[in-house]
Amino acid sequence: MNKIKIYQIDAFTEKVFGGNPAAVCVLNAWLEDEVMQKIAAENNLAETAFVVPKENDYELRWFTPTVEVDLCGHATLASAYVLFRYYNHSTDKIIFHSRRSGLLAVEKNNEELTLDFPADVVEVTEVPQALIAAFGKAPVEAYRGKSDYLLIYASQKEVEDFNPDINLINSVGARGVIVSAVGYEVDFVSRFFAPQVGVNEDPVTGSAHTTLTPFWSNKLGKSRLSARQLSQRKGDLKCELIYDRVRITGKAVAYLIGEIEF
């Protein structure tokens, strides 16, 4: 019988039941990919992160219920929270080694955790007709980044009110679709839909802000921005563009500590 400790952490929030929940498993050595995928499917959260110590650093991988993904912000934040709080990481900075996204750092400053991720580069693109139909309205601007479409709309209310056709979004060849607009109380707001990787709407998406931050930094003429993701759970982020890196800051809280047996 194998037993693995599991933590469920709500990321990018100050309170339980907010932000984006992620499961975190800290392992002594990697499990088989098939086993990790089954654990992620059983958890049925947007992401399950697996962490393995590597000298003074850690290796990190992320799985949705259906696939392994290249990058996940909220589960990286959750993993750092677990290591700082429950594994007594000795410094205020953690270095993660990702097979698909290189070196990723998380710094702790009191209750806040800051991700240091590579910035995404977007290019103007034509909007697939399936996306116009899915959202019922064409965006005012459209871009394509490394993994996702970025659709810009005229107002926060439009972003809030969308009830898109998930099947149509799923037909588009991308990891997911970000919709965004200038915010009423923050610099910009967004939502993120990724049925292509088993997540119809992600509550708060750190990786999407590697696309959003450089875009809105250029558009608004400022390097430090406040952001809110307008899912039902909602989440708040502080974002900063520094050359080709994005710093994303948020808080996290523990919801559950348990044990997997298999």
C-alpha atoms as a PDB file:
ATOM      1  CA  MET A   1       0.000   0.000   0.000  1.00  0.00           C
ATOM      2  CA  ASN A   2       1.413   3.384  -1.046  1.00  0.00           C
ATOM      3  CA  LYS A   3       0.578   6.465   1.011  1.00  0.00           C
ATOM      4  CA  ILE A   4       1.124  10.021  -0.192  1.00  0.00           C
ATOM      5  CA  LYS A   5       0.354  13.215   1.718  1.00  0.00           C
ATOM      6  CA  ILE A   6      -1.911  15.584  -0.182  1.00  0.00           C
ATOM      7  CA  TYR A   7      -2.666  19.250   0.434  1.00  0.00           C
ATOM      8  CA  GLN A   8      -5.500  21.247  -1.115  1.00  0.00           C
ATOM      9  CA  ILE A   9      -4.706  24.947  -1.217  1.00  0.00           C
ATOM     10  CA  ASP A  10      -6.842  27.879  -2.358  1.00  0.00           C
ATOM     11  CA  ALA A  11      -4.503  30.196  -4.301  1.00  0.00           C
ATOM     12  CA  PHE A  12      -4.829  33.908  -5.096  1.00  0.00           C
ATOM     13  CA  THR A  13      -7.195  34.506  -2.207  1.00  0.00           C
ATOM     14  CA  GLU A  14      -7.154  35.404   1.483  1.00  0.00           C
ATOM     15  CA  LYS A  15     -10.077  33.162   2.398  1.00  0.00           C
ATOM     16  CA  VAL A  16     -11.095  29.546   1.975  1.00  0.00           C
ATOM     17  CA  PHE A  17     -13.592  28.881  -0.838  1.00  0.00           C
ATOM     18  CA  GLY A  18     -12.121  31.751  -2.882  1.00  0.00           C
ATOM     19  CA  GLY A  19      -9.403  31.873  -5.499  1.00  0.00           C
ATOM     20  CA  ASN A  20      -8.356  28.715  -7.321  1.00  0.00           C
ATOM     21  CA  PRO A  21      -8.004  25.351  -5.540  1.00  0.00           C
ATOM     22  CA  ALA A  22      -4.968  23.199  -6.333  1.00  0.00           C
ATOM     23  CA  ALA A  23      -3.816  19.865  -4.946  1.00  0.00           C
ATOM     24  CA  VAL A  24      -0.143  19.471  -4.038  1.00  0.00           C
ATOM     25  CA  CYS A  25       1.747  16.197  -3.502  1.00  0.00           C
ATOM     26  CA  VAL A  26       5.366  16.376  -2.298  1.00  0.00           C
ATOM     27  CA  LEU A  27       7.118  13.140  -3.340  1.00  0.00           C
ATOM     28  CA  ASN A  28      10.486  11.554  -2.579  1.00  0.00           C
ATOM     29  CA  ALA A  29      10.790  10.440  -6.219  1.00  0.00           C
ATOM     30  CA  TRP A  30       8.669  10.645  -9.346  1.00  0.00           C
ATOM     31  CA  LEU A  31       5.738   8.306  -9.738  1.00  0.00           C
ATOM     32  CA  GLU A  32       4.877   6.864 -13.135  1.00  0.00           C
ATOM     33  CA  ASP A  33       3.174   9.442 -15.364  1.00  0.00           C
ATOM     34  CA  GLU A  34       0.067   7.269 -15.589  1.00  0.00           C
ATOM     35  CA  VAL A  35      -0.258   7.182 -11.791  1.00  0.00           C
ATOM     36  CA  MET A  36       0.104  10.962 -11.461  1.00  0.00           C
ATOM     37  CA  GLN A  37      -2.512  11.464 -14.169  1.00  0.00           C
ATOM     38  CA  LYS A  38      -4.895   9.128 -12.351  1.00  0.00           C
ATOM     39  CA  ILE A  39      -4.368  11.005  -9.083  1.00  0.00           C
ATOM     40  CA  ALA A  40      -5.126  14.293 -10.855  1.00  0.00           C
ATOM     41  CA  ALA A  41      -8.269  12.799 -12.392  1.00  0.00           C
ATOM     42  CA  GLU A  42      -9.371  11.471  -9.000  1.00  0.00           C
ATOM     43  CA  ASN A  43      -8.810  14.896  -7.403  1.00  0.00           C
ATOM     44  CA  ASN A  44     -10.874  16.479 -10.208  1.00  0.00           C
ATOM     45  CA  LEU A  45      -9.411  19.932  -9.586  1.00  0.00           C
ATOM     46  CA  ALA A  46      -8.143  22.251 -12.300  1.00  0.00           C
ATOM     47  CA  GLU A  47      -4.579  21.297 -11.363  1.00  0.00           C
ATOM     48  CA  THR A  48      -2.674  18.829  -9.228  1.00  0.00           C
ATOM     49  CA  ALA A  49       1.001  19.680  -8.691  1.00  0.00           C
ATOM     50  CA  PHE A  50       3.700  17.110  -7.968  1.00  0.00           C
ATOM     51  CA  VAL A  51       6.942  18.237  -6.308  1.00  0.00           C
ATOM     52  CA  VAL A  52      10.209  16.336  -5.908  1.00  0.00           C
ATOM     53  CA  PRO A  53      13.227  17.759  -3.990  1.00  0.00           C
ATOM     54  CA  LYS A  54      16.300  18.475  -6.145  1.00  0.00           C
ATOM     55  CA  GLU A  55      19.285  19.361  -3.928  1.00  0.00           C
ATOM     56  CA  ASN A  56      18.277  22.786  -2.511  1.00  0.00           C
ATOM     57  CA  ASP A  57      15.575  23.265  -5.143  1.00  0.00           C
ATOM     58  CA  TYR A  58      12.552  21.302  -6.365  1.00  0.00           C
ATOM     59  CA  GLU A  59      11.268  19.769  -9.576  1.00  0.00           C
ATOM     60  CA  LEU A  60       7.639  20.553 -10.388  1.00  0.00           C
ATOM     61  CA  ARG A  61       4.999  19.164 -12.748  1.00  0.00           C
ATOM     62  CA  TRP A  62       1.306  19.975 -13.187  1.00  0.00           C
ATOM     63  CA  PHE A  63      -1.634  17.809 -14.291  1.00  0.00           C
ATOM     64  CA  THR A  64      -5.247  18.689 -15.058  1.00  0.00           C
ATOM     65  CA  PRO A  65      -7.800  15.852 -14.776  1.00  0.00           C
ATOM     66  CA  THR A  66      -6.959  14.914 -18.386  1.00  0.00           C
ATOM     67  CA  VAL A  67      -3.429  16.062 -19.358  1.00  0.00           C
ATOM     68  CA  GLU A  68      -0.047  17.291 -18.154  1.00  0.00           C
ATOM     69  CA  VAL A  69       0.366  21.025 -18.860  1.00  0.00           C
ATOM     70  CA  ASP A  70       3.357  23.255 -19.635  1.00  0.00           C
ATOM     71  CA  LEU A  71       2.777  25.844 -16.922  1.00  0.00           C
ATOM     72  CA  CYS A  72       0.373  26.512 -14.064  1.00  0.00           C
ATOM     73  CA  GLY A  73       0.579  29.608 -11.900  1.00  0.00           C
ATOM     74  CA  HIS A  74      -1.889  28.912  -9.118  1.00  0.00           C
ATOM     75  CA  ALA A  75      -0.595  25.381  -8.490  1.00  0.00           C
ATOM     76  CA  THR A  76       2.971  26.744  -8.366  1.00  0.00           C
ATOM     77  CA  LEU A  77       1.845  29.303  -5.790  1.00  0.00           C
ATOM     78  CA  ALA A  78       0.094  26.504  -3.867  1.00  0.00           C
ATOM     79  CA  SER A  79       3.209  24.303  -4.005  1.00  0.00           C
ATOM     80  CA  ALA A  80       5.371  27.097  -2.601  1.00  0.00           C
ATOM     81  CA  TYR A  81       2.819  27.717   0.146  1.00  0.00           C
ATOM     82  CA  VAL A  82       3.002  24.039   1.162  1.00  0.00           C
ATOM     83  CA  LEU A  83       6.814  23.994   1.151  1.00  0.00           C
ATOM     84  CA  PHE A  84       7.094  27.199   3.174  1.00  0.00           C
ATOM     85  CA  ARG A  85       4.405  26.283   5.692  1.00  0.00           C
ATOM     86  CA  TYR A  86       4.652  22.507   6.118  1.00  0.00           C
ATOM     87  CA  TYR A  87       8.178  21.616   4.955  1.00  0.00           C
ATOM     88  CA  ASN A  88      10.049  24.506   6.611  1.00  0.00           C
ATOM     89  CA  HIS A  89      11.868  25.668   3.498  1.00  0.00           C
ATOM     90  CA  SER A  90      14.805  27.558   4.961  1.00  0.00           C
ATOM     91  CA  THR A  91      14.925  30.703   2.792  1.00  0.00           C
ATOM     92  CA  ASP A  92      12.345  33.181   1.474  1.00  0.00           C
ATOM     93  CA  LYS A  93      12.858  31.998  -2.108  1.00  0.00           C
ATOM     94  CA  ILE A  94      12.098  28.668  -3.781  1.00  0.00           C
ATOM     95  CA  ILE A  95      13.457  27.619  -7.187  1.00  0.00           C
ATOM     96  CA  PHE A  96      11.361  25.151  -9.159  1.00  0.00           C
ATOM     97  CA  HIS A  97      12.756  23.246 -12.135  1.00  0.00           C
ATOM     98  CA  SER A  98      10.069  22.647 -14.766  1.00  0.00           C
ATOM     99  CA  ARG A  99      10.668  20.273 -17.675  1.00  0.00           C
ATOM    100  CA  ARG A 100       8.474  22.377 -19.936  1.00  0.00           C
ATOM    101  CA  SER A 101       8.942  25.963 -18.677  1.00  0.00           C
ATOM    102  CA  GLY A 102      12.478  26.125 -17.303  1.00  0.00           C
ATOM    103  CA  LEU A 103      13.361  27.731 -13.971  1.00  0.00           C
ATOM    104  CA  LEU A 104      10.518  29.280 -11.965  1.00  0.00           C
ATOM    105  CA  ALA A 105      10.990  31.192  -8.712  1.00  0.00           C
ATOM    106  CA  VAL A 106       8.578  31.965  -5.872  1.00  0.00           C
ATOM    107  CA  GLU A 107       9.463  34.527  -3.198  1.00  0.00           C
ATOM    108  CA  LYS A 108       7.785  34.917   0.189  1.00  0.00           C
ATOM    109  CA  ASN A 109       7.163  38.342   1.717  1.00  0.00           C
ATOM    110  CA  ASN A 110       5.103  37.958   4.891  1.00  0.00           C
ATOM    111  CA  GLU A 111       1.764  36.528   3.687  1.00  0.00           C
ATOM    112  CA  GLU A 112       2.318  37.294   0.023  1.00  0.00           C
ATOM    113  CA  LEU A 113       3.907  34.950  -2.502  1.00  0.00           C
ATOM    114  CA  THR A 114       5.368  36.219  -5.781  1.00  0.00           C
ATOM    115  CA  LEU A 115       5.788  34.061  -8.875  1.00  0.00           C
ATOM    116  CA  ASP A 116       8.576  34.867 -11.351  1.00  0.00           C
ATOM    117  CA  PHE A 117       7.551  33.493 -14.757  1.00  0.00           C
ATOM    118  CA  PRO A 118       8.618  34.057 -18.373  1.00  0.00           C
ATOM    119  CA  ALA A 119       6.455  36.618 -20.173  1.00  0.00           C
ATOM    120  CA  ASP A 120       4.365  35.455 -23.113  1.00  0.00           C
ATOM    121  CA  VAL A 121       4.585  37.175 -26.494  1.00  0.00           C
ATOM    122  CA  VAL A 122       1.339  37.723 -28.397  1.00  0.00           C
ATOM    123  CA  GLU A 123       0.686  38.478 -32.041  1.00  0.00           C
ATOM    124  CA  VAL A 124      -2.393  39.963 -33.690  1.00  0.00           C
ATOM    125  CA  THR A 125      -4.593  37.224 -35.117  1.00  0.00           C
ATOM    126  CA  GLU A 126      -7.885  36.682 -36.859  1.00  0.00           C
ATOM    127  CA  VAL A 127     -10.627  35.452 -34.559  1.00  0.00           C
ATOM    128  CA  PRO A 128     -11.911  31.969 -35.390  1.00  0.00           C
ATOM    129  CA  GLN A 129     -15.602  32.131 -36.223  1.00  0.00           C
ATOM    130  CA  ALA A 130     -16.179  29.444 -33.609  1.00  0.00           C
ATOM    131  CA  LEU A 131     -15.020  31.851 -30.880  1.00  0.00           C
ATOM    132  CA  ILE A 132     -17.200  34.692 -32.119  1.00  0.00           C
ATOM    133  CA  ALA A 133     -20.137  32.279 -32.028  1.00  0.00           C
ATOM    134  CA  ALA A 134     -19.092  30.882 -28.632  1.00  0.00           C
ATOM    135  CA  PHE A 135     -19.120  34.313 -26.972  1.00  0.00           C
ATOM    136  CA  GLY A 136     -21.881  35.796 -29.091  1.00  0.00           C
ATOM    137  CA  LYS A 137     -19.829  38.870 -29.879  1.00  0.00           C
ATOM    138  CA  ALA A 138     -16.622  39.665 -31.748  1.00  0.00           C
ATOM    139  CA  PRO A 139     -13.811  41.167 -29.642  1.00  0.00           C
ATOM    140  CA  VAL A 140     -12.415  44.629 -30.359  1.00  0.00           C
ATOM    141  CA  GLU A 141      -8.920  43.103 -30.565  1.00  0.00           C
ATOM    142  CA  ALA A 142      -7.640  39.535 -30.865  1.00  0.00           C
ATOM    143  CA  TYR A 143      -4.221  38.004 -30.250  1.00  0.00           C
ATOM    144  CA  ARG A 144      -2.562  34.612 -30.105  1.00  0.00           C
ATOM    145  CA  GLY A 145       0.149  33.771 -27.571  1.00  0.00           C
ATOM    146  CA  LYS A 146       2.208  30.637 -27.025  1.00  0.00           C
ATOM    147  CA  SER A 147      -0.751  28.620 -25.756  1.00  0.00           C
ATOM    148  CA  ASP A 148      -3.910  30.725 -25.745  1.00  0.00           C
ATOM    149  CA  TYR A 149      -6.087  33.152 -27.614  1.00  0.00           C
ATOM    150  CA  LEU A 150      -6.456  36.581 -25.981  1.00  0.00           C
ATOM    151  CA  LEU A 151      -9.707  38.377 -26.826  1.00  0.00           C
ATOM    152  CA  ILE A 152     -10.088  42.007 -25.734  1.00  0.00           C
ATOM    153  CA  TYR A 153     -13.566  43.419 -25.126  1.00  0.00           C
ATOM    154  CA  ALA A 154     -14.835  46.946 -24.569  1.00  0.00           C
ATOM    155  CA  SER A 155     -16.005  46.647 -20.966  1.00  0.00           C
ATOM    156  CA  GLN A 156     -15.773  44.669 -17.750  1.00  0.00           C
ATOM    157  CA  LYS A 157     -19.524  44.061 -17.890  1.00  0.00           C
ATOM    158  CA  GLU A 158     -19.181  42.170 -21.172  1.00  0.00           C
ATOM    159  CA  VAL A 159     -16.513  39.926 -19.627  1.00  0.00           C
ATOM    160  CA  GLU A 160     -18.663  39.362 -16.528  1.00  0.00           C
ATOM    161  CA  ASP A 161     -21.795  38.522 -18.503  1.00  0.00           C
ATOM    162  CA  PHE A 162     -20.373  35.941 -20.894  1.00  0.00           C
ATOM    163  CA  ASN A 163     -21.921  32.472 -20.768  1.00  0.00           C
ATOM    164  CA  PRO A 164     -19.991  30.954 -23.644  1.00  0.00           C
ATOM    165  CA  ASP A 165     -20.607  27.768 -25.573  1.00  0.00           C
ATOM    166  CA  ILE A 166     -17.919  25.477 -24.148  1.00  0.00           C
ATOM    167  CA  ASN A 167     -18.230  22.977 -27.002  1.00  0.00           C
ATOM    168  CA  LEU A 168     -17.381  25.676 -29.537  1.00  0.00           C
ATOM    169  CA  ILE A 169     -14.371  26.814 -27.478  1.00  0.00           C
ATOM    170  CA  ASN A 170     -13.267  23.194 -27.302  1.00  0.00           C
ATOM    171  CA  SER A 171     -13.220  23.030 -31.112  1.00  0.00           C
ATOM    172  CA  VAL A 172     -10.471  25.663 -31.387  1.00  0.00           C
ATOM    173  CA  GLY A 173      -6.847  24.543 -31.548  1.00  0.00           C
ATOM    174  CA  ALA A 174      -5.376  26.181 -28.435  1.00  0.00           C
ATOM    175  CA  ARG A 175      -4.880  25.418 -24.755  1.00  0.00           C
ATOM    176  CA  GLY A 176      -7.592  27.936 -23.920  1.00  0.00           C
ATOM    177  CA  VAL A 177      -9.146  31.361 -24.422  1.00  0.00           C
ATOM    178  CA  ILE A 178      -8.591  34.459 -22.282  1.00  0.00           C
ATOM    179  CA  VAL A 179     -11.192  37.231 -22.409  1.00  0.00           C
ATOM    180  CA  SER A 180     -10.199  40.561 -20.896  1.00  0.00           C
ATOM    181  CA  ALA A 181     -11.096  44.241 -20.525  1.00  0.00           C
ATOM    182  CA  VAL A 182     -10.137  47.315 -18.518  1.00  0.00           C
ATOM    183  CA  GLY A 183     -11.470  46.934 -14.962  1.00  0.00           C
ATOM    184  CA  TYR A 184     -13.686  49.183 -12.879  1.00  0.00           C
ATOM    185  CA  GLU A 185     -11.691  48.792  -9.646  1.00  0.00           C
ATOM    186  CA  VAL A 186      -8.468  47.259 -10.995  1.00  0.00           C
ATOM    187  CA  ASP A 187      -6.340  47.870 -14.062  1.00  0.00           C
ATOM    188  CA  PHE A 188      -7.722  44.889 -15.957  1.00  0.00           C
ATOM    189  CA  VAL A 189     -10.093  41.955 -15.517  1.00  0.00           C
ATOM    190  CA  SER A 190     -10.219  38.578 -17.216  1.00  0.00           C
ATOM    191  CA  ARG A 191     -11.773  35.137 -17.437  1.00  0.00           C
ATOM    192  CA  PHE A 192     -10.169  31.952 -18.775  1.00  0.00           C
ATOM    193  CA  PHE A 193     -11.788  28.992 -20.521  1.00  0.00           C
ATOM    194  CA  ALA A 194      -9.812  25.823 -21.292  1.00  0.00           C
ATOM    195  CA  PRO A 195     -12.054  22.830 -22.052  1.00  0.00           C
ATOM    196  CA  GLN A 196      -9.259  21.626 -24.345  1.00  0.00           C
ATOM    197  CA  VAL A 197      -7.325  20.562 -21.214  1.00  0.00           C
ATOM    198  CA  GLY A 198     -10.343  19.504 -19.157  1.00  0.00           C
ATOM    199  CA  VAL A 199     -11.086  22.832 -17.421  1.00  0.00           C
ATOM    200  CA  ASN A 200     -14.247  24.554 -18.659  1.00  0.00           C
ATOM    201  CA  GLU A 201     -13.565  27.767 -16.708  1.00  0.00           C
ATOM    202  CA  ASP A 202     -10.505  28.145 -14.517  1.00  0.00           C
ATOM    203  CA  PRO A 203     -11.189  30.236 -11.384  1.00  0.00           C
ATOM    204  CA  VAL A 204      -7.847  32.123 -11.295  1.00  0.00           C
ATOM    205  CA  THR A 205      -5.130  31.485 -13.857  1.00  0.00           C
ATOM    206  CA  GLY A 206      -1.577  32.547 -13.037  1.00  0.00           C
ATOM    207  CA  SER A 207      -0.187  31.409 -16.396  1.00  0.00           C
ATOM    208  CA  ALA A 208      -2.762  33.495 -18.296  1.00  0.00           C
ATOM    209  CA  HIS A 209      -1.318  36.561 -16.575  1.00  0.00           C
ATOM    210  CA  THR A 210       2.019  35.938 -18.293  1.00  0.00           C
ATOM    211  CA  THR A 211       0.052  36.876 -21.418  1.00  0.00           C
ATOM    212  CA  LEU A 212      -2.172  39.545 -19.869  1.00  0.00           C
ATOM    213  CA  THR A 213       0.548  41.446 -17.992  1.00  0.00           C
ATOM    214  CA  PRO A 214       2.770  42.393 -20.961  1.00  0.00           C
ATOM    215  CA  PHE A 215      -0.304  43.188 -23.054  1.00  0.00           C
ATOM    216  CA  TRP A 216      -1.892  45.531 -20.520  1.00  0.00           C
ATOM    217  CA  SER A 217       1.464  46.971 -19.458  1.00  0.00           C
ATOM    218  CA  ASN A 218       1.997  48.117 -23.035  1.00  0.00           C
ATOM    219  CA  LYS A 219      -1.608  49.227 -23.477  1.00  0.00           C
ATOM    220  CA  LEU A 220      -1.820  51.204 -20.211  1.00  0.00           C
ATOM    221  CA  GLY A 221       1.772  52.419 -20.151  1.00  0.00           C
ATOM    222  CA  LYS A 222       2.649  51.069 -16.703  1.00  0.00           C
ATOM    223  CA  SER A 223       4.752  48.158 -15.456  1.00  0.00           C
ATOM    224  CA  ARG A 224       2.848  47.436 -12.237  1.00  0.00           C
ATOM    225  CA  LEU A 225      -0.801  46.467 -12.539  1.00  0.00           C
ATOM    226  CA  SER A 226      -3.686  45.227 -10.421  1.00  0.00           C
ATOM    227  CA  ALA A 227      -5.818  42.415 -11.811  1.00  0.00           C
ATOM    228  CA  ARG A 228      -8.961  40.476 -10.976  1.00  0.00           C
ATOM    229  CA  GLN A 229     -10.203  37.240 -12.508  1.00  0.00           C
ATOM    230  CA  LEU A 230     -13.990  37.300 -12.636  1.00  0.00           C
ATOM    231  CA  SER A 231     -14.854  33.642 -12.149  1.00  0.00           C
ATOM    232  CA  GLN A 232     -17.510  32.705  -9.609  1.00  0.00           C
ATOM    233  CA  ARG A 233     -14.775  32.232  -6.951  1.00  0.00           C
ATOM    234  CA  LYS A 234     -12.837  35.346  -8.061  1.00  0.00           C
ATOM    235  CA  GLY A 235      -9.200  36.070  -7.407  1.00  0.00           C
ATOM    236  CA  ASP A 236      -6.940  39.119  -7.069  1.00  0.00           C
ATOM    237  CA  LEU A 237      -3.409  39.409  -8.390  1.00  0.00           C
ATOM    238  CA  LYS A 238      -0.665  42.021  -8.448  1.00  0.00           C
ATOM    239  CA  CYS A 239       1.332  41.871 -11.677  1.00  0.00           C
ATOM    240  CA  GLU A 240       4.620  43.448 -12.715  1.00  0.00           C
ATOM    241  CA  LEU A 241       6.481  43.300 -16.017  1.00  0.00           C
ATOM    242  CA  ILE A 242      10.281  43.306 -15.738  1.00  0.00           C
ATOM    243  CA  TYR A 243      11.846  42.952 -19.198  1.00  0.00           C
ATOM    244  CA  ASP A 244      10.917  39.426 -20.367  1.00  0.00           C
ATOM    245  CA  ARG A 245       9.683  38.216 -16.974  1.00  0.00           C
ATOM    246  CA  VAL A 246       6.354  38.610 -15.197  1.00  0.00           C
ATOM    247  CA  ARG A 247       6.052  38.788 -11.410  1.00  0.00           C
ATOM    248  CA  ILE A 248       2.624  37.699 -10.149  1.00  0.00           C
ATOM    249  CA  THR A 249       1.789  38.198  -6.469  1.00  0.00           C
ATOM    250  CA  GLY A 250      -1.034  36.713  -4.424  1.00  0.00           C
ATOM    251  CA  LYS A 251      -1.930  34.978  -1.191  1.00  0.00           C
ATOM    252  CA  ALA A 252      -3.012  31.423  -0.407  1.00  0.00           C
ATOM    253  CA  VAL A 253      -4.832  29.503   2.337  1.00  0.00           C
ATOM    254  CA  ALA A 254      -4.997  25.814   3.238  1.00  0.00           C
ATOM    255  CA  TYR A 255      -8.317  24.004   2.852  1.00  0.00           C
ATOM    256  CA  LEU A 256      -7.451  20.331   3.337  1.00  0.00           C
ATOM    257  CA  ILE A 257      -4.620  18.038   4.401  1.00  0.00           C
ATOM    258  CA  GLY A 258      -5.069  14.325   3.727  1.00  0.00           C
ATOM    259  CA  GLU A 259      -3.474  11.094   2.600  1.00  0.00           C
ATOM    260  CA  ILE A 260      -3.794   9.160  -0.633  1.00  0.00           C
ATOM    261  CA  GLU A 261      -3.761   5.360  -0.423  1.00  0.00           C
ATOM    262  CA  PHE A 262      -3.310   3.177  -3.503  1.00  0.00           C
END
